[in-house]
Amino acid sequence: MTARPLRSLDGRRILVVEDEFLIADDLCNGLAARGAVVVGPAPTVGAALELVARTTRLDGAVLDINLGGEPVFPVAEALLKRRVPFLFTTGYDAFHIPPRFATAERYMKPVKPAVLAAALFG
């Protein structure tokens, strides 16, 4: 009998904000395979803000910095107000992130869902 793999994300509700379909699909599937309840993916700032507003519980979030030319920072601000941990995935250098969000971790795409899970929840 083999042991069940560790599913450190069991039941955790994670918002995924990503506008590139293949990346979003891979990320959502990877997080769900580790037991997460995926909220989204949201491909725009507006869609992400709507999900943040109507979702009562969020345990973490993965935010692409650039959503079709629009910065994701209003979503990061909404998550800060709710004290929801988040991290950024991007192809951009750190200087593109406003100082307000300097403590949020930044990962260069592509990044494995397991790495993001460990970063959010240790």
PDB file of N, CA and C in Angstrom:
ATOM      1  N   MET A   1       0.842  -1.178   0.000  1.00  0.00           N
ATOM      2  CA  MET A   1       0.000   0.000   0.000  1.00  0.00           C
ATOM      3  C   MET A   1       0.890   1.245   0.000  1.00  0.00           C
ATOM      4  N   THR A   2       0.622   2.172  -0.889  1.00  0.00           N
ATOM      5  CA  THR A   2       1.408   3.405  -0.935  1.00  0.00           C
ATOM      6  C   THR A   2       0.741   4.489  -0.108  1.00  0.00           C
ATOM      7  N   ALA A   3       1.586   5.313   0.476  1.00  0.00           N
ATOM      8  CA  ALA A   3       1.067   6.417   1.284  1.00  0.00           C
ATOM      9  C   ALA A   3       0.479   7.486   0.370  1.00  0.00           C
ATOM     10  N   ARG A   4      -0.553   8.133   0.870  1.00  0.00           N
ATOM     11  CA  ARG A   4      -1.168   9.234   0.139  1.00  0.00           C
ATOM     12  C   ARG A   4      -0.197  10.420   0.130  1.00  0.00           C
ATOM     13  N   PRO A   5       0.020  11.052  -1.041  1.00  0.00           N
ATOM     14  CA  PRO A   5       0.943  12.185  -1.082  1.00  0.00           C
ATOM     15  C   PRO A   5       0.429  13.343  -0.235  1.00  0.00           C
ATOM     16  N   LEU A   6       1.361  14.087   0.314  1.00  0.00           N
ATOM     17  CA  LEU A   6       1.013  15.248   1.112  1.00  0.00           C
ATOM     18  C   LEU A   6       0.241  16.244   0.266  1.00  0.00           C
ATOM     19  N   ARG A   7      -0.899  16.671   0.780  1.00  0.00           N
ATOM     20  CA  ARG A   7      -1.722  17.649   0.067  1.00  0.00           C
ATOM     21  C   ARG A   7      -1.846  18.876   0.958  1.00  0.00           C
ATOM     22  N   SER A   8      -0.798  19.643   1.008  1.00  0.00           N
ATOM     23  CA  SER A   8      -0.713  20.764   1.932  1.00  0.00           C
ATOM     24  C   SER A   8      -1.739  21.851   1.676  1.00  0.00           C
ATOM     25  N   LEU A   9      -2.425  21.786   0.568  1.00  0.00           N
ATOM     26  CA  LEU A   9      -3.405  22.823   0.248  1.00  0.00           C
ATOM     27  C   LEU A   9      -4.843  22.388   0.496  1.00  0.00           C
ATOM     28  N   ASP A  10      -5.041  21.220   1.106  1.00  0.00           N
ATOM     29  CA  ASP A  10      -6.390  20.697   1.304  1.00  0.00           C
ATOM     30  C   ASP A  10      -7.345  21.754   1.836  1.00  0.00           C
ATOM     31  N   GLY A  11      -8.338  22.079   1.017  1.00  0.00           N
ATOM     32  CA  GLY A  11      -9.396  22.983   1.430  1.00  0.00           C
ATOM     33  C   GLY A  11      -9.052  24.463   1.393  1.00  0.00           C
ATOM     34  N   ARG A  12      -7.818  24.806   1.112  1.00  0.00           N
ATOM     35  CA  ARG A  12      -7.456  26.234   1.073  1.00  0.00           C
ATOM     36  C   ARG A  12      -7.995  26.858  -0.214  1.00  0.00           C
ATOM     37  N   ARG A  13      -8.613  28.014  -0.059  1.00  0.00           N
ATOM     38  CA  ARG A  13      -9.220  28.725  -1.190  1.00  0.00           C
ATOM     39  C   ARG A  13      -8.204  29.729  -1.743  1.00  0.00           C
ATOM     40  N   ILE A  14      -7.758  29.470  -2.972  1.00  0.00           N
ATOM     41  CA  ILE A  14      -6.704  30.281  -3.583  1.00  0.00           C
ATOM     42  C   ILE A  14      -7.234  30.971  -4.838  1.00  0.00           C
ATOM     43  N   LEU A  15      -7.138  32.283  -4.833  1.00  0.00           N
ATOM     44  CA  LEU A  15      -7.516  33.082  -5.992  1.00  0.00           C
ATOM     45  C   LEU A  15      -6.374  33.068  -7.003  1.00  0.00           C
ATOM     46  N   VAL A  16      -6.708  32.776  -8.247  1.00  0.00           N
ATOM     47  CA  VAL A  16      -5.728  32.804  -9.331  1.00  0.00           C
ATOM     48  C   VAL A  16      -6.111  33.936 -10.281  1.00  0.00           C
ATOM     49  N   VAL A  17      -5.185  34.870 -10.464  1.00  0.00           N
ATOM     50  CA  VAL A  17      -5.395  36.004 -11.365  1.00  0.00           C
ATOM     51  C   VAL A  17      -4.314  35.922 -12.445  1.00  0.00           C
ATOM     52  N   GLU A  18      -4.735  35.524 -13.636  1.00  0.00           N
ATOM     53  CA  GLU A  18      -3.797  35.269 -14.742  1.00  0.00           C
ATOM     54  C   GLU A  18      -4.560  35.410 -16.052  1.00  0.00           C
ATOM     55  N   ASP A  19      -4.017  36.164 -17.001  1.00  0.00           N
ATOM     56  CA  ASP A  19      -4.712  36.386 -18.265  1.00  0.00           C
ATOM     57  C   ASP A  19      -4.278  35.457 -19.392  1.00  0.00           C
ATOM     58  N   GLU A  20      -3.213  34.732 -19.228  1.00  0.00           N
ATOM     59  CA  GLU A  20      -2.776  33.792 -20.260  1.00  0.00           C
ATOM     60  C   GLU A  20      -3.395  32.425 -19.977  1.00  0.00           C
ATOM     61  N   PHE A  21      -4.261  31.972 -20.900  1.00  0.00           N
ATOM     62  CA  PHE A  21      -5.063  30.780 -20.653  1.00  0.00           C
ATOM     63  C   PHE A  21      -4.236  29.557 -20.273  1.00  0.00           C
ATOM     64  N   LEU A  22      -3.207  29.248 -21.039  1.00  0.00           N
ATOM     65  CA  LEU A  22      -2.436  28.031 -20.769  1.00  0.00           C
ATOM     66  C   LEU A  22      -1.741  28.090 -19.408  1.00  0.00           C
ATOM     67  N   ILE A  23      -1.213  29.246 -19.053  1.00  0.00           N
ATOM     68  CA  ILE A  23      -0.575  29.395 -17.743  1.00  0.00           C
ATOM     69  C   ILE A  23      -1.614  29.272 -16.640  1.00  0.00           C
ATOM     70  N   ALA A  24      -2.766  29.923 -16.819  1.00  0.00           N
ATOM     71  CA  ALA A  24      -3.836  29.857 -15.822  1.00  0.00           C
ATOM     72  C   ALA A  24      -4.324  28.425 -15.644  1.00  0.00           C
ATOM     73  N   ASP A  25      -4.513  27.726 -16.754  1.00  0.00           N
ATOM     74  CA  ASP A  25      -4.995  26.350 -16.699  1.00  0.00           C
ATOM     75  C   ASP A  25      -4.008  25.447 -15.967  1.00  0.00           C
ATOM     76  N   ASP A  26      -2.735  25.572 -16.302  1.00  0.00           N
ATOM     77  CA  ASP A  26      -1.699  24.773 -15.647  1.00  0.00           C
ATOM     78  C   ASP A  26      -1.641  25.073 -14.146  1.00  0.00           C
ATOM     79  N   LEU A  27      -1.688  26.340 -13.801  1.00  0.00           N
ATOM     80  CA  LEU A  27      -1.630  26.742 -12.400  1.00  0.00           C
ATOM     81  C   LEU A  27      -2.845  26.238 -11.629  1.00  0.00           C
ATOM     82  N   CYS A  28      -4.031  26.432 -12.184  1.00  0.00           N
ATOM     83  CA  CYS A  28      -5.251  25.983 -11.508  1.00  0.00           C
ATOM     84  C   CYS A  28      -5.252  24.469 -11.316  1.00  0.00           C
ATOM     85  N   ASN A  29      -4.881  23.732 -12.357  1.00  0.00           N
ATOM     86  CA  ASN A  29      -4.831  22.271 -12.251  1.00  0.00           C
ATOM     87  C   ASN A  29      -3.802  21.821 -11.226  1.00  0.00           C
ATOM     88  N   GLY A  30      -2.644  22.464 -11.214  1.00  0.00           N
ATOM     89  CA  GLY A  30      -1.597  22.106 -10.255  1.00  0.00           C
ATOM     90  C   GLY A  30      -2.001  22.376  -8.819  1.00  0.00           C
ATOM     91  N   LEU A  31      -2.657  23.500  -8.583  1.00  0.00           N
ATOM     92  CA  LEU A  31      -3.120  23.821  -7.226  1.00  0.00           C
ATOM     93  C   LEU A  31      -4.242  22.880  -6.800  1.00  0.00           C
ATOM     94  N   ALA A  32      -5.176  22.612  -7.709  1.00  0.00           N
ATOM     95  CA  ALA A  32      -6.284  21.702  -7.396  1.00  0.00           C
ATOM     96  C   ALA A  32      -5.769  20.293  -7.107  1.00  0.00           C
ATOM     97  N   ALA A  33      -4.742  19.858  -7.835  1.00  0.00           N
ATOM     98  CA  ALA A  33      -4.166  18.531  -7.606  1.00  0.00           C
ATOM     99  C   ALA A  33      -3.561  18.411  -6.214  1.00  0.00           C
ATOM    100  N   ARG A  34      -3.213  19.534  -5.623  1.00  0.00           N
ATOM    101  CA  ARG A  34      -2.662  19.547  -4.263  1.00  0.00           C
ATOM    102  C   ARG A  34      -3.738  19.828  -3.221  1.00  0.00           C
ATOM    103  N   GLY A  35      -5.008  19.796  -3.644  1.00  0.00           N
ATOM    104  CA  GLY A  35      -6.116  19.916  -2.705  1.00  0.00           C
ATOM    105  C   GLY A  35      -6.719  21.293  -2.558  1.00  0.00           C
ATOM    106  N   ALA A  36      -6.227  22.266  -3.302  1.00  0.00           N
ATOM    107  CA  ALA A  36      -6.764  23.629  -3.186  1.00  0.00           C
ATOM    108  C   ALA A  36      -8.140  23.730  -3.824  1.00  0.00           C
ATOM    109  N   VAL A  37      -8.923  24.645  -3.299  1.00  0.00           N
ATOM    110  CA  VAL A  37     -10.157  25.065  -3.947  1.00  0.00           C
ATOM    111  C   VAL A  37      -9.784  26.333  -4.714  1.00  0.00           C
ATOM    112  N   VAL A  38      -9.750  26.232  -6.024  1.00  0.00           N
ATOM    113  CA  VAL A  38      -9.302  27.353  -6.848  1.00  0.00           C
ATOM    114  C   VAL A  38     -10.461  28.311  -7.084  1.00  0.00           C
ATOM    115  N   VAL A  39     -10.220  29.582  -6.816  1.00  0.00           N
ATOM    116  CA  VAL A  39     -11.175  30.645  -7.106  1.00  0.00           C
ATOM    117  C   VAL A  39     -10.649  31.346  -8.354  1.00  0.00           C
ATOM    118  N   GLY A  40     -11.415  31.311  -9.420  1.00  0.00           N
ATOM    119  CA  GLY A  40     -10.975  31.862 -10.696  1.00  0.00           C
ATOM    120  C   GLY A  40     -10.694  30.742 -11.674  1.00  0.00           C
ATOM    121  N   PRO A  41      -9.865  31.008 -12.654  1.00  0.00           N
ATOM    122  CA  PRO A  41      -8.961  32.141 -12.780  1.00  0.00           C
ATOM    123  C   PRO A  41      -9.675  33.403 -13.265  1.00  0.00           C
ATOM    124  N   ALA A  42      -9.170  34.524 -12.845  1.00  0.00           N
ATOM    125  CA  ALA A  42      -9.664  35.823 -13.277  1.00  0.00           C
ATOM    126  C   ALA A  42      -8.667  36.399 -14.275  1.00  0.00           C
ATOM    127  N   PRO A  43      -9.107  36.699 -15.502  1.00  0.00           N
ATOM    128  CA  PRO A  43      -8.179  37.196 -16.519  1.00  0.00           C
ATOM    129  C   PRO A  43      -8.033  38.717 -16.562  1.00  0.00           C
ATOM    130  N   THR A  44      -8.862  39.429 -15.783  1.00  0.00           N
ATOM    131  CA  THR A  44      -8.808  40.895 -15.783  1.00  0.00           C
ATOM    132  C   THR A  44      -8.845  41.417 -14.350  1.00  0.00           C
ATOM    133  N   VAL A  45      -8.445  42.665 -14.187  1.00  0.00           N
ATOM    134  CA  VAL A  45      -8.503  43.297 -12.867  1.00  0.00           C
ATOM    135  C   VAL A  45      -9.952  43.360 -12.394  1.00  0.00           C
ATOM    136  N   GLY A  46     -10.867  43.739 -13.281  1.00  0.00           N
ATOM    137  CA  GLY A  46     -12.282  43.823 -12.915  1.00  0.00           C
ATOM    138  C   GLY A  46     -12.839  42.496 -12.439  1.00  0.00           C
ATOM    139  N   ALA A  47     -12.540  41.425 -13.169  1.00  0.00           N
ATOM    140  CA  ALA A  47     -13.019  40.098 -12.776  1.00  0.00           C
ATOM    141  C   ALA A  47     -12.420  39.677 -11.441  1.00  0.00           C
ATOM    142  N   ALA A  48     -11.153  39.985 -11.235  1.00  0.00           N
ATOM    143  CA  ALA A  48     -10.495  39.625  -9.976  1.00  0.00           C
ATOM    144  C   ALA A  48     -11.093  40.396  -8.807  1.00  0.00           C
ATOM    145  N   LEU A  49     -11.327  41.689  -8.988  1.00  0.00           N
ATOM    146  CA  LEU A  49     -11.927  42.491  -7.910  1.00  0.00           C
ATOM    147  C   LEU A  49     -13.327  41.997  -7.572  1.00  0.00           C
ATOM    148  N   GLU A  50     -14.069  41.573  -8.588  1.00  0.00           N
ATOM    149  CA  GLU A  50     -15.402  41.012  -8.352  1.00  0.00           C
ATOM    150  C   GLU A  50     -15.305  39.730  -7.526  1.00  0.00           C
ATOM    151  N   LEU A  51     -14.362  38.868  -7.851  1.00  0.00           N
ATOM    152  CA  LEU A  51     -14.182  37.634  -7.082  1.00  0.00           C
ATOM    153  C   LEU A  51     -13.764  37.934  -5.647  1.00  0.00           C
ATOM    154  N   VAL A  52     -12.871  38.888  -5.458  1.00  0.00           N
ATOM    155  CA  VAL A  52     -12.450  39.259  -4.102  1.00  0.00           C
ATOM    156  C   VAL A  52     -13.647  39.768  -3.309  1.00  0.00           C
ATOM    157  N   ALA A  53     -14.488  40.579  -3.941  1.00  0.00           N
ATOM    158  CA  ALA A  53     -15.637  41.170  -3.256  1.00  0.00           C
ATOM    159  C   ALA A  53     -16.693  40.135  -2.886  1.00  0.00           C
ATOM    160  N   ARG A  54     -16.910  39.146  -3.750  1.00  0.00           N
ATOM    161  CA  ARG A  54     -18.012  38.216  -3.499  1.00  0.00           C
ATOM    162  C   ARG A  54     -17.593  36.895  -2.846  1.00  0.00           C
ATOM    163  N   THR A  55     -16.314  36.669  -2.684  1.00  0.00           N
ATOM    164  CA  THR A  55     -15.841  35.431  -2.063  1.00  0.00           C
ATOM    165  C   THR A  55     -15.584  35.696  -0.586  1.00  0.00           C
ATOM    166  N   THR A  56     -16.324  34.994   0.263  1.00  0.00           N
ATOM    167  CA  THR A  56     -16.224  35.275   1.700  1.00  0.00           C
ATOM    168  C   THR A  56     -14.901  34.833   2.295  1.00  0.00           C
ATOM    169  N   ARG A  57     -14.346  33.752   1.774  1.00  0.00           N
ATOM    170  CA  ARG A  57     -13.080  33.267   2.340  1.00  0.00           C
ATOM    171  C   ARG A  57     -12.052  33.059   1.242  1.00  0.00           C
ATOM    172  N   LEU A  58     -10.934  33.719   1.401  1.00  0.00           N
ATOM    173  CA  LEU A  58      -9.770  33.496   0.551  1.00  0.00           C
ATOM    174  C   LEU A  58      -8.583  33.256   1.469  1.00  0.00           C
ATOM    175  N   ASP A  59      -7.838  32.197   1.193  1.00  0.00           N
ATOM    176  CA  ASP A  59      -6.675  31.870   2.017  1.00  0.00           C
ATOM    177  C   ASP A  59      -5.366  32.339   1.396  1.00  0.00           C
ATOM    178  N   GLY A  60      -5.395  32.658   0.126  1.00  0.00           N
ATOM    179  CA  GLY A  60      -4.194  33.107  -0.553  1.00  0.00           C
ATOM    180  C   GLY A  60      -4.513  33.463  -1.989  1.00  0.00           C
ATOM    181  N   ALA A  61      -3.546  34.076  -2.661  1.00  0.00           N
ATOM    182  CA  ALA A  61      -3.758  34.463  -4.058  1.00  0.00           C
ATOM    183  C   ALA A  61      -2.440  34.474  -4.817  1.00  0.00           C
ATOM    184  N   VAL A  62      -2.546  34.159  -6.098  1.00  0.00           N
ATOM    185  CA  VAL A  62      -1.424  34.210  -7.028  1.00  0.00           C
ATOM    186  C   VAL A  62      -1.802  35.230  -8.094  1.00  0.00           C
ATOM    187  N   LEU A  63      -1.015  36.297  -8.204  1.00  0.00           N
ATOM    188  CA  LEU A  63      -1.350  37.412  -9.082  1.00  0.00           C
ATOM    189  C   LEU A  63      -0.311  37.610 -10.180  1.00  0.00           C
ATOM    190  N   ASP A  64      -0.762  37.557 -11.425  1.00  0.00           N
ATOM    191  CA  ASP A  64       0.078  37.977 -12.546  1.00  0.00           C
ATOM    192  C   ASP A  64       0.099  39.504 -12.518  1.00  0.00           C
ATOM    193  N   ILE A  65       1.251  40.106 -12.653  1.00  0.00           N
ATOM    194  CA  ILE A  65       1.354  41.562 -12.540  1.00  0.00           C
ATOM    195  C   ILE A  65       0.680  42.298 -13.698  1.00  0.00           C
ATOM    196  N   ASN A  66       0.788  41.771 -14.908  1.00  0.00           N
ATOM    197  CA  ASN A  66       0.261  42.461 -16.083  1.00  0.00           C
ATOM    198  C   ASN A  66      -0.893  41.669 -16.666  1.00  0.00           C
ATOM    199  N   LEU A  67      -2.085  42.249 -16.614  1.00  0.00           N
ATOM    200  CA  LEU A  67      -3.274  41.596 -17.155  1.00  0.00           C
ATOM    201  C   LEU A  67      -3.739  42.366 -18.387  1.00  0.00           C
ATOM    202  N   GLY A  68      -3.272  41.944 -19.542  1.00  0.00           N
ATOM    203  CA  GLY A  68      -3.652  42.620 -20.775  1.00  0.00           C
ATOM    204  C   GLY A  68      -3.269  44.082 -20.798  1.00  0.00           C
ATOM    205  N   GLY A  69      -2.139  44.411 -20.229  1.00  0.00           N
ATOM    206  CA  GLY A  69      -1.664  45.784 -20.191  1.00  0.00           C
ATOM    207  C   GLY A  69      -2.107  46.569 -18.972  1.00  0.00           C
ATOM    208  N   GLU A  70      -2.931  45.969 -18.138  1.00  0.00           N
ATOM    209  CA  GLU A  70      -3.409  46.640 -16.921  1.00  0.00           C
ATOM    210  C   GLU A  70      -2.715  46.042 -15.695  1.00  0.00           C
ATOM    211  N   PRO A  71      -2.143  46.873 -14.830  1.00  0.00           N
ATOM    212  CA  PRO A  71      -1.469  46.345 -13.641  1.00  0.00           C
ATOM    213  C   PRO A  71      -2.464  45.786 -12.627  1.00  0.00           C
ATOM    214  N   VAL A  72      -2.057  44.740 -11.953  1.00  0.00           N
ATOM    215  CA  VAL A  72      -2.898  44.013 -11.008  1.00  0.00           C
ATOM    216  C   VAL A  72      -2.950  44.667  -9.621  1.00  0.00           C
ATOM    217  N   PHE A  73      -2.280  45.769  -9.436  1.00  0.00           N
ATOM    218  CA  PHE A  73      -2.107  46.335  -8.097  1.00  0.00           C
ATOM    219  C   PHE A  73      -3.403  46.705  -7.366  1.00  0.00           C
ATOM    220  N   PRO A  74      -4.504  47.093  -8.040  1.00  0.00           N
ATOM    221  CA  PRO A  74      -5.755  47.290  -7.296  1.00  0.00           C
ATOM    222  C   PRO A  74      -6.244  46.000  -6.615  1.00  0.00           C
ATOM    223  N   VAL A  75      -5.981  44.870  -7.245  1.00  0.00           N
ATOM    224  CA  VAL A  75      -6.343  43.582  -6.637  1.00  0.00           C
ATOM    225  C   VAL A  75      -5.460  43.320  -5.423  1.00  0.00           C
ATOM    226  N   ALA A  76      -4.178  43.582  -5.550  1.00  0.00           N
ATOM    227  CA  ALA A  76      -3.260  43.413  -4.418  1.00  0.00           C
ATOM    228  C   ALA A  76      -3.698  44.289  -3.248  1.00  0.00           C
ATOM    229  N   GLU A  77      -4.117  45.504  -3.533  1.00  0.00           N
ATOM    230  CA  GLU A  77      -4.583  46.416  -2.479  1.00  0.00           C
ATOM    231  C   GLU A  77      -5.823  45.852  -1.785  1.00  0.00           C
ATOM    232  N   ALA A  78      -6.771  45.329  -2.562  1.00  0.00           N
ATOM    233  CA  ALA A  78      -7.980  44.733  -1.983  1.00  0.00           C
ATOM    234  C   ALA A  78      -7.634  43.531  -1.106  1.00  0.00           C
ATOM    235  N   LEU A  79      -6.662  42.740  -1.528  1.00  0.00           N
ATOM    236  CA  LEU A  79      -6.239  41.583  -0.734  1.00  0.00           C
ATOM    237  C   LEU A  79      -5.539  42.024   0.545  1.00  0.00           C
ATOM    238  N   LEU A  80      -4.732  43.066   0.466  1.00  0.00           N
ATOM    239  CA  LEU A  80      -4.084  43.602   1.672  1.00  0.00           C
ATOM    240  C   LEU A  80      -5.121  44.028   2.705  1.00  0.00           C
ATOM    241  N   LYS A  81      -6.160  44.699   2.245  1.00  0.00           N
ATOM    242  CA  LYS A  81      -7.221  45.155   3.155  1.00  0.00           C
ATOM    243  C   LYS A  81      -7.899  43.990   3.855  1.00  0.00           C
ATOM    244  N   ARG A  82      -7.987  42.858   3.167  1.00  0.00           N
ATOM    245  CA  ARG A  82      -8.605  41.660   3.751  1.00  0.00           C
ATOM    246  C   ARG A  82      -7.591  40.762   4.456  1.00  0.00           C
ATOM    247  N   ARG A  83      -6.336  41.163   4.433  1.00  0.00           N
ATOM    248  CA  ARG A  83      -5.251  40.382   5.042  1.00  0.00           C
ATOM    249  C   ARG A  83      -5.102  38.990   4.431  1.00  0.00           C
ATOM    250  N   VAL A  84      -5.257  38.947   3.136  1.00  0.00           N
ATOM    251  CA  VAL A  84      -5.092  37.704   2.382  1.00  0.00           C
ATOM    252  C   VAL A  84      -3.667  37.683   1.831  1.00  0.00           C
ATOM    253  N   PRO A  85      -2.884  36.654   2.151  1.00  0.00           N
ATOM    254  CA  PRO A  85      -1.524  36.585   1.608  1.00  0.00           C
ATOM    255  C   PRO A  85      -1.551  36.378   0.092  1.00  0.00           C
ATOM    256  N   PHE A  86      -0.625  37.007  -0.585  1.00  0.00           N
ATOM    257  CA  PHE A  86      -0.545  36.856  -2.034  1.00  0.00           C
ATOM    258  C   PHE A  86       0.906  36.946  -2.472  1.00  0.00           C
ATOM    259  N   LEU A  87       1.127  36.497  -3.698  1.00  0.00           N
ATOM    260  CA  LEU A  87       2.436  36.632  -4.327  1.00  0.00           C
ATOM    261  C   LEU A  87       2.227  36.985  -5.782  1.00  0.00           C
ATOM    262  N   PHE A  88       3.273  37.484  -6.383  1.00  0.00           N
ATOM    263  CA  PHE A  88       3.222  37.878  -7.785  1.00  0.00           C
ATOM    264  C   PHE A  88       3.953  36.862  -8.648  1.00  0.00           C
ATOM    265  N   THR A  89       3.380  36.584  -9.827  1.00  0.00           N
ATOM    266  CA  THR A  89       4.094  35.844 -10.864  1.00  0.00           C
ATOM    267  C   THR A  89       4.229  36.800 -12.041  1.00  0.00           C
ATOM    268  N   THR A  90       5.376  36.805 -12.670  1.00  0.00           N
ATOM    269  CA  THR A  90       5.605  37.822 -13.686  1.00  0.00           C
ATOM    270  C   THR A  90       6.806  37.497 -14.552  1.00  0.00           C
ATOM    271  N   GLY A  91       6.943  38.263 -15.585  1.00  0.00           N
ATOM    272  CA  GLY A  91       8.152  38.259 -16.385  1.00  0.00           C
ATOM    273  C   GLY A  91       8.917  39.555 -16.177  1.00  0.00           C
ATOM    274  N   TYR A  92       8.398  40.407 -15.299  1.00  0.00           N
ATOM    275  CA  TYR A  92       8.981  41.730 -15.055  1.00  0.00           C
ATOM    276  C   TYR A  92       9.971  41.716 -13.898  1.00  0.00           C
ATOM    277  N   ASP A  93      10.865  42.698 -13.918  1.00  0.00           N
ATOM    278  CA  ASP A  93      11.807  42.896 -12.819  1.00  0.00           C
ATOM    279  C   ASP A  93      11.082  43.469 -11.603  1.00  0.00           C
ATOM    280  N   ALA A  94      11.722  43.378 -10.458  1.00  0.00           N
ATOM    281  CA  ALA A  94      11.120  43.833  -9.202  1.00  0.00           C
ATOM    282  C   ALA A  94      10.808  45.324  -9.201  1.00  0.00           C
ATOM    283  N   PHE A  95      11.545  46.123  -9.967  1.00  0.00           N
ATOM    284  CA  PHE A  95      11.301  47.565  -9.924  1.00  0.00           C
ATOM    285  C   PHE A  95       9.938  47.961 -10.500  1.00  0.00           C
ATOM    286  N   HIS A  96       9.233  47.024 -11.147  1.00  0.00           N
ATOM    287  CA  HIS A  96       7.880  47.289 -11.634  1.00  0.00           C
ATOM    288  C   HIS A  96       6.840  47.203 -10.518  1.00  0.00           C
ATOM    289  N   ILE A  97       7.237  46.706  -9.364  1.00  0.00           N
ATOM    290  CA  ILE A  97       6.304  46.545  -8.245  1.00  0.00           C
ATOM    291  C   ILE A  97       6.401  47.772  -7.344  1.00  0.00           C
ATOM    292  N   PRO A  98       5.269  48.426  -7.074  1.00  0.00           N
ATOM    293  CA  PRO A  98       5.295  49.601  -6.191  1.00  0.00           C
ATOM    294  C   PRO A  98       5.831  49.250  -4.801  1.00  0.00           C
ATOM    295  N   PRO A  99       6.485  50.200  -4.145  1.00  0.00           N
ATOM    296  CA  PRO A  99       7.037  49.956  -2.806  1.00  0.00           C
ATOM    297  C   PRO A  99       6.002  49.420  -1.816  1.00  0.00           C
ATOM    298  N   ARG A 100       4.742  49.792  -1.988  1.00  0.00           N
ATOM    299  CA  ARG A 100       3.669  49.326  -1.091  1.00  0.00           C
ATOM    300  C   ARG A 100       3.613  47.798  -1.031  1.00  0.00           C
ATOM    301  N   PHE A 101       3.989  47.156  -2.109  1.00  0.00           N
ATOM    302  CA  PHE A 101       3.897  45.694  -2.198  1.00  0.00           C
ATOM    303  C   PHE A 101       5.269  45.021  -2.195  1.00  0.00           C
ATOM    304  N   ALA A 102       6.271  45.715  -1.739  1.00  0.00           N
ATOM    305  CA  ALA A 102       7.648  45.205  -1.781  1.00  0.00           C
ATOM    306  C   ALA A 102       7.845  43.935  -0.964  1.00  0.00           C
ATOM    307  N   THR A 103       7.009  43.717   0.042  1.00  0.00           N
ATOM    308  CA  THR A 103       7.172  42.519   0.871  1.00  0.00           C
ATOM    309  C   THR A 103       6.545  41.278   0.237  1.00  0.00           C
ATOM    310  N   ALA A 104       5.731  41.461  -0.789  1.00  0.00           N
ATOM    311  CA  ALA A 104       5.134  40.307  -1.472  1.00  0.00           C
ATOM    312  C   ALA A 104       6.215  39.611  -2.292  1.00  0.00           C
ATOM    313  N   GLU A 105       6.206  38.295  -2.246  1.00  0.00           N
ATOM    314  CA  GLU A 105       7.197  37.551  -3.022  1.00  0.00           C
ATOM    315  C   GLU A 105       6.872  37.637  -4.505  1.00  0.00           C
ATOM    316  N   ARG A 106       7.909  37.584  -5.328  1.00  0.00           N
ATOM    317  CA  ARG A 106       7.785  37.664  -6.775  1.00  0.00           C
ATOM    318  C   ARG A 106       8.471  36.454  -7.389  1.00  0.00           C
ATOM    319  N   TYR A 107       7.759  35.782  -8.286  1.00  0.00           N
ATOM    320  CA  TYR A 107       8.301  34.607  -8.965  1.00  0.00           C
ATOM    321  C   TYR A 107       8.241  34.827 -10.467  1.00  0.00           C
ATOM    322  N   MET A 108       9.336  34.505 -11.127  1.00  0.00           N
ATOM    323  CA  MET A 108       9.400  34.624 -12.578  1.00  0.00           C
ATOM    324  C   MET A 108       8.662  33.450 -13.217  1.00  0.00           C
ATOM    325  N   LYS A 109       7.865  33.752 -14.231  1.00  0.00           N
ATOM    326  CA  LYS A 109       7.156  32.712 -14.975  1.00  0.00           C
ATOM    327  C   LYS A 109       8.146  31.984 -15.879  1.00  0.00           C
ATOM    328  N   PRO A 110       7.923  30.719 -16.132  1.00  0.00           N
ATOM    329  CA  PRO A 110       6.917  29.866 -15.510  1.00  0.00           C
ATOM    330  C   PRO A 110       7.388  29.377 -14.143  1.00  0.00           C
ATOM    331  N   VAL A 111       6.444  29.116 -13.279  1.00  0.00           N
ATOM    332  CA  VAL A 111       6.770  28.633 -11.938  1.00  0.00           C
ATOM    333  C   VAL A 111       5.836  27.474 -11.602  1.00  0.00           C
ATOM    334  N   LYS A 112       6.371  26.484 -10.946  1.00  0.00           N
ATOM    335  CA  LYS A 112       5.595  25.290 -10.607  1.00  0.00           C
ATOM    336  C   LYS A 112       4.615  25.595  -9.472  1.00  0.00           C
ATOM    337  N   PRO A 113       3.402  25.060  -9.552  1.00  0.00           N
ATOM    338  CA  PRO A 113       2.417  25.274  -8.491  1.00  0.00           C
ATOM    339  C   PRO A 113       2.916  24.871  -7.105  1.00  0.00           C
ATOM    340  N   ALA A 114       3.738  23.829  -7.023  1.00  0.00           N
ATOM    341  CA  ALA A 114       4.259  23.397  -5.716  1.00  0.00           C
ATOM    342  C   ALA A 114       5.122  24.485  -5.084  1.00  0.00           C
ATOM    343  N   VAL A 115       5.870  25.213  -5.894  1.00  0.00           N
ATOM    344  CA  VAL A 115       6.705  26.306  -5.392  1.00  0.00           C
ATOM    345  C   VAL A 115       5.820  27.418  -4.840  1.00  0.00           C
ATOM    346  N   LEU A 116       4.755  27.738  -5.558  1.00  0.00           N
ATOM    347  CA  LEU A 116       3.839  28.786  -5.110  1.00  0.00           C
ATOM    348  C   LEU A 116       3.118  28.381  -3.833  1.00  0.00           C
ATOM    349  N   ALA A 117       2.711  27.122  -3.755  1.00  0.00           N
ATOM    350  CA  ALA A 117       2.037  26.635  -2.549  1.00  0.00           C
ATOM    351  C   ALA A 117       2.949  26.751  -1.337  1.00  0.00           C
ATOM    352  N   ALA A 118       4.196  26.362  -1.503  1.00  0.00           N
ATOM    353  CA  ALA A 118       5.151  26.454  -0.395  1.00  0.00           C
ATOM    354  C   ALA A 118       5.390  27.907  -0.002  1.00  0.00           C
ATOM    355  N   ALA A 119       5.432  28.798  -0.987  1.00  0.00           N
ATOM    356  CA  ALA A 119       5.657  30.216  -0.693  1.00  0.00           C
ATOM    357  C   ALA A 119       4.487  30.824   0.066  1.00  0.00           C
ATOM    358  N   LEU A 120       3.276  30.433  -0.285  1.00  0.00           N
ATOM    359  CA  LEU A 120       2.093  30.991   0.376  1.00  0.00           C
ATOM    360  C   LEU A 120       1.878  30.430   1.771  1.00  0.00           C
ATOM    361  N   PHE A 121       2.114  29.132   1.931  1.00  0.00           N
ATOM    362  CA  PHE A 121       1.714  28.465   3.171  1.00  0.00           C
ATOM    363  C   PHE A 121       2.830  27.719   3.878  1.00  0.00           C
ATOM    364  N   GLY A 122       4.050  27.862   3.392  1.00  0.00           N
ATOM    365  CA  GLY A 122       5.197  27.253   4.047  1.00  0.00           C
ATOM    366  C   GLY A 122       5.086  25.796   4.139  1.00  0.00           C
TER     367      GLY A 122
END
